[in-house]
N, C-alpha and C. Protein backbone atom coordinates (compact mmCIF):
# COMPACT_ATOMS: atom_id res chain seq x y z
N MET A 1 -43.75 76.36 13.13
CA MET A 1 -44.06 74.60 12.68
C MET A 1 -43.30 74.38 13.21
N THR A 2 -42.18 74.05 14.48
CA THR A 2 -42.05 72.88 14.43
C THR A 2 -42.98 72.93 16.47
N ARG A 3 -43.85 73.81 16.45
CA ARG A 3 -44.31 73.54 18.09
C ARG A 3 -44.91 72.51 17.33
N TRP A 4 -45.38 72.13 16.17
CA TRP A 4 -46.84 71.47 16.15
C TRP A 4 -46.37 69.95 15.90
N ARG A 5 -45.13 70.09 15.12
CA ARG A 5 -44.59 68.73 14.67
C ARG A 5 -44.35 68.50 16.76
N SER A 6 -43.85 69.21 17.67
CA SER A 6 -43.50 68.78 18.90
C SER A 6 -44.86 68.87 19.37
N LEU A 7 -46.02 68.53 18.65
CA LEU A 7 -47.36 68.36 19.96
C LEU A 7 -47.88 66.43 18.73
N ALA A 8 -47.22 66.85 17.82
CA ALA A 8 -47.24 65.65 17.51
C ALA A 8 -46.32 64.80 18.04
N ALA A 9 -45.12 64.12 17.85
CA ALA A 9 -44.62 63.59 18.36
C ALA A 9 -44.35 63.44 20.30
N ALA A 10 -45.22 64.62 20.81
CA ALA A 10 -46.08 63.89 22.09
C ALA A 10 -46.99 62.82 21.58
N ALA A 11 -48.02 63.99 20.67
CA ALA A 11 -49.56 62.45 20.50
C ALA A 11 -49.36 61.46 20.40
N LEU A 12 -47.86 60.95 19.20
CA LEU A 12 -47.26 59.92 18.66
C LEU A 12 -46.22 59.18 20.47
N ALA A 13 -45.87 59.75 20.57
CA ALA A 13 -45.81 58.76 21.90
C ALA A 13 -46.79 58.58 22.74
N ALA A 14 -47.59 59.47 22.73
CA ALA A 14 -48.81 59.19 24.20
C ALA A 14 -49.39 57.74 23.18
N VAL A 15 -49.42 57.76 21.30
CA VAL A 15 -50.14 56.72 22.23
C VAL A 15 -49.60 55.69 21.09
N VAL A 16 -48.51 55.40 21.05
CA VAL A 16 -47.75 53.93 21.74
C VAL A 16 -47.02 53.66 23.15
N LEU A 17 -47.30 54.12 23.71
CA LEU A 17 -47.09 54.23 24.50
C LEU A 17 -48.78 53.60 25.89
N THR A 18 -50.01 54.05 25.87
CA THR A 18 -51.21 54.14 25.85
C THR A 18 -51.21 51.81 24.92
N ALA A 19 -50.54 52.46 23.70
CA ALA A 19 -51.10 50.77 23.17
C ALA A 19 -50.24 49.30 23.62
N CYS A 20 -48.71 50.12 24.70
CA CYS A 20 -47.90 49.21 25.29
C CYS A 20 -48.44 48.92 26.40
N GLY A 21 -49.79 49.07 26.94
CA GLY A 21 -50.27 49.99 28.13
C GLY A 21 -49.34 50.35 29.46
N VAL A 22 -48.70 51.28 28.98
CA VAL A 22 -48.89 52.94 29.78
C VAL A 22 -48.81 53.78 29.34
N THR A 23 -49.59 54.35 30.99
CA THR A 23 -50.32 55.36 31.18
C THR A 23 -49.98 55.79 32.15
N ALA A 24 -50.07 57.94 32.19
CA ALA A 24 -49.58 57.90 32.83
C ALA A 24 -49.73 58.60 34.27
N GLN A 25 -50.43 57.72 34.35
CA GLN A 25 -51.52 57.95 36.22
C GLN A 25 -50.92 56.79 36.36
N GLU A 26 -50.38 55.54 36.17
CA GLU A 26 -49.73 54.81 36.66
C GLU A 26 -49.13 55.04 37.82
N GLU A 27 -48.40 54.54 38.89
CA GLU A 27 -48.06 54.68 39.75
C GLU A 27 -46.10 53.86 38.82
N PRO A 28 -45.10 53.91 38.67
CA PRO A 28 -44.16 53.02 38.31
C PRO A 28 -44.06 51.95 39.18
N GLU A 29 -43.67 51.09 39.42
CA GLU A 29 -43.47 49.46 40.39
C GLU A 29 -42.60 49.26 40.85
N PRO A 30 -42.38 49.71 42.10
CA PRO A 30 -40.75 49.20 42.60
C PRO A 30 -39.33 48.47 41.51
N LEU A 31 -38.04 48.76 41.76
CA LEU A 31 -37.68 48.45 40.68
C LEU A 31 -36.94 47.14 42.21
N THR A 32 -36.57 46.61 42.83
CA THR A 32 -36.80 46.10 43.22
C THR A 32 -37.19 45.65 45.38
N THR A 33 -38.06 44.38 45.41
CA THR A 33 -39.47 44.55 46.35
C THR A 33 -38.27 43.95 48.17
N THR A 34 -38.52 44.15 49.15
CA THR A 34 -37.71 44.62 50.05
C THR A 34 -38.40 43.88 50.82
N SER A 35 -38.09 42.65 52.29
CA SER A 35 -39.74 41.72 52.52
C SER A 35 -38.74 42.64 53.76
N PRO A 36 -39.46 42.07 55.09
CA PRO A 36 -38.90 42.92 56.37
C PRO A 36 -37.57 43.05 56.93
N THR A 37 -37.91 40.72 56.71
CA THR A 37 -36.92 40.39 57.35
C THR A 37 -35.62 40.11 56.43
N ALA A 38 -35.48 40.91 55.83
CA ALA A 38 -34.44 40.43 54.45
C ALA A 38 -33.03 41.61 55.36
N PRO A 39 -32.06 40.92 55.51
CA PRO A 39 -30.92 42.00 56.01
C PRO A 39 -31.09 42.98 55.28
N THR A 40 -29.87 44.75 55.58
CA THR A 40 -29.63 45.82 55.02
C THR A 40 -28.52 45.40 53.75
N THR A 41 -27.80 45.46 54.29
CA THR A 41 -26.58 44.59 53.79
C THR A 41 -26.56 43.68 53.66
N PRO A 42 -26.23 43.80 51.58
CA PRO A 42 -25.96 42.66 51.22
C PRO A 42 -24.52 42.38 51.31
N ARG A 43 -25.11 40.49 51.27
CA ARG A 43 -23.75 39.32 51.31
C ARG A 43 -24.05 39.30 50.25
N LEU A 44 -21.96 39.63 50.39
CA LEU A 44 -20.84 38.56 49.54
C LEU A 44 -20.88 37.27 49.81
N THR A 45 -21.58 36.33 48.01
CA THR A 45 -21.34 34.98 48.00
C THR A 45 -19.40 34.63 48.01
N GLN A 46 -19.76 33.58 48.34
CA GLN A 46 -18.22 33.73 48.60
C GLN A 46 -18.49 31.97 47.98
N ARG A 47 -16.97 32.72 47.05
CA ARG A 47 -16.34 31.39 46.15
C ARG A 47 -15.95 30.13 46.40
N PRO A 48 -15.90 29.28 45.98
CA PRO A 48 -14.51 28.00 46.16
C PRO A 48 -13.45 28.43 45.90
N ASP A 49 -12.20 28.18 46.69
CA ASP A 49 -10.52 28.66 46.71
C ASP A 49 -11.03 27.74 45.43
N GLN A 50 -9.99 28.73 44.76
CA GLN A 50 -9.62 28.43 42.72
C GLN A 50 -7.76 27.23 43.03
N SER A 51 -7.63 27.55 44.11
CA SER A 51 -6.38 27.01 44.30
C SER A 51 -6.45 25.56 44.30
N SER A 52 -7.50 24.92 45.10
CA SER A 52 -7.41 23.34 44.88
C SER A 52 -8.24 22.59 43.88
N ALA A 53 -8.83 23.50 42.65
CA ALA A 53 -9.01 21.88 42.33
C ALA A 53 -7.42 21.94 41.48
N THR A 54 -7.49 20.52 40.76
CA THR A 54 -6.52 20.06 40.08
C THR A 54 -6.84 20.53 38.76
N THR A 55 -5.83 20.92 38.05
CA THR A 55 -5.66 20.54 36.51
C THR A 55 -4.35 19.67 35.98
N THR A 56 -5.53 19.07 34.20
CA THR A 56 -4.46 18.16 33.81
C THR A 56 -4.04 18.80 32.31
N ALA A 57 -3.05 18.35 32.34
CA ALA A 57 -2.02 19.01 30.92
C ALA A 57 -2.29 18.02 30.46
N VAL A 58 -3.07 19.00 28.64
CA VAL A 58 -2.94 18.10 27.80
C VAL A 58 -2.12 18.11 27.00
N PRO A 59 -2.07 16.66 26.53
CA PRO A 59 -0.93 16.51 26.33
C PRO A 59 -0.70 17.56 23.64
N PRO A 60 -0.67 17.36 23.72
CA PRO A 60 -0.62 17.79 22.33
C PRO A 60 -0.68 17.14 21.36
N ALA A 61 -1.68 17.94 20.09
CA ALA A 61 -2.01 16.86 19.14
C ALA A 61 -0.38 16.98 19.12
N PRO A 62 -0.68 15.15 17.54
CA PRO A 62 0.19 14.74 17.39
C PRO A 62 0.56 16.18 16.02
N ALA A 63 0.83 15.69 15.54
CA ALA A 63 1.15 16.67 14.15
C ALA A 63 1.01 15.47 12.78
N PRO A 64 -0.17 15.68 12.12
CA PRO A 64 -0.60 15.26 10.72
C PRO A 64 0.78 14.76 9.54
N ALA A 65 0.15 13.25 9.85
CA ALA A 65 1.42 12.83 8.68
C ALA A 65 1.17 13.02 7.42
N THR A 66 2.49 14.01 7.17
CA THR A 66 1.94 14.05 5.14
C THR A 66 3.02 12.85 4.01
N THR A 67 2.36 13.33 3.39
CA THR A 67 3.19 12.21 2.57
C THR A 67 3.43 13.04 0.85
N THR A 68 4.60 12.54 0.54
CA THR A 68 4.93 12.86 -0.27
C THR A 68 4.48 11.37 -2.24
N LEU A 69 3.82 12.02 -2.91
CA LEU A 69 3.74 11.60 -4.21
C LEU A 69 5.05 12.21 -4.75
N SER A 70 5.41 10.83 -5.62
CA SER A 70 6.28 10.77 -6.81
C SER A 70 5.05 10.37 -7.80
N SER A 71 5.50 11.71 -8.91
CA SER A 71 4.97 11.58 -10.53
C SER A 71 6.00 10.42 -10.97
């Protein structure tokens, strides 16, 4: 009985993949494309120096005014 279930699951998977446009005869596309002029080693991007950035101090927010009501 488990053989029929596995066959049914495989058939269902094939139908779903075919509906999504994937067939078994298709060759998978490469994830990355390389051009003949591309360097073989990855380049590191230079980040701007964080120490040269200026930071301004933000003053603390004033305390909310409290009023007392006398009855």
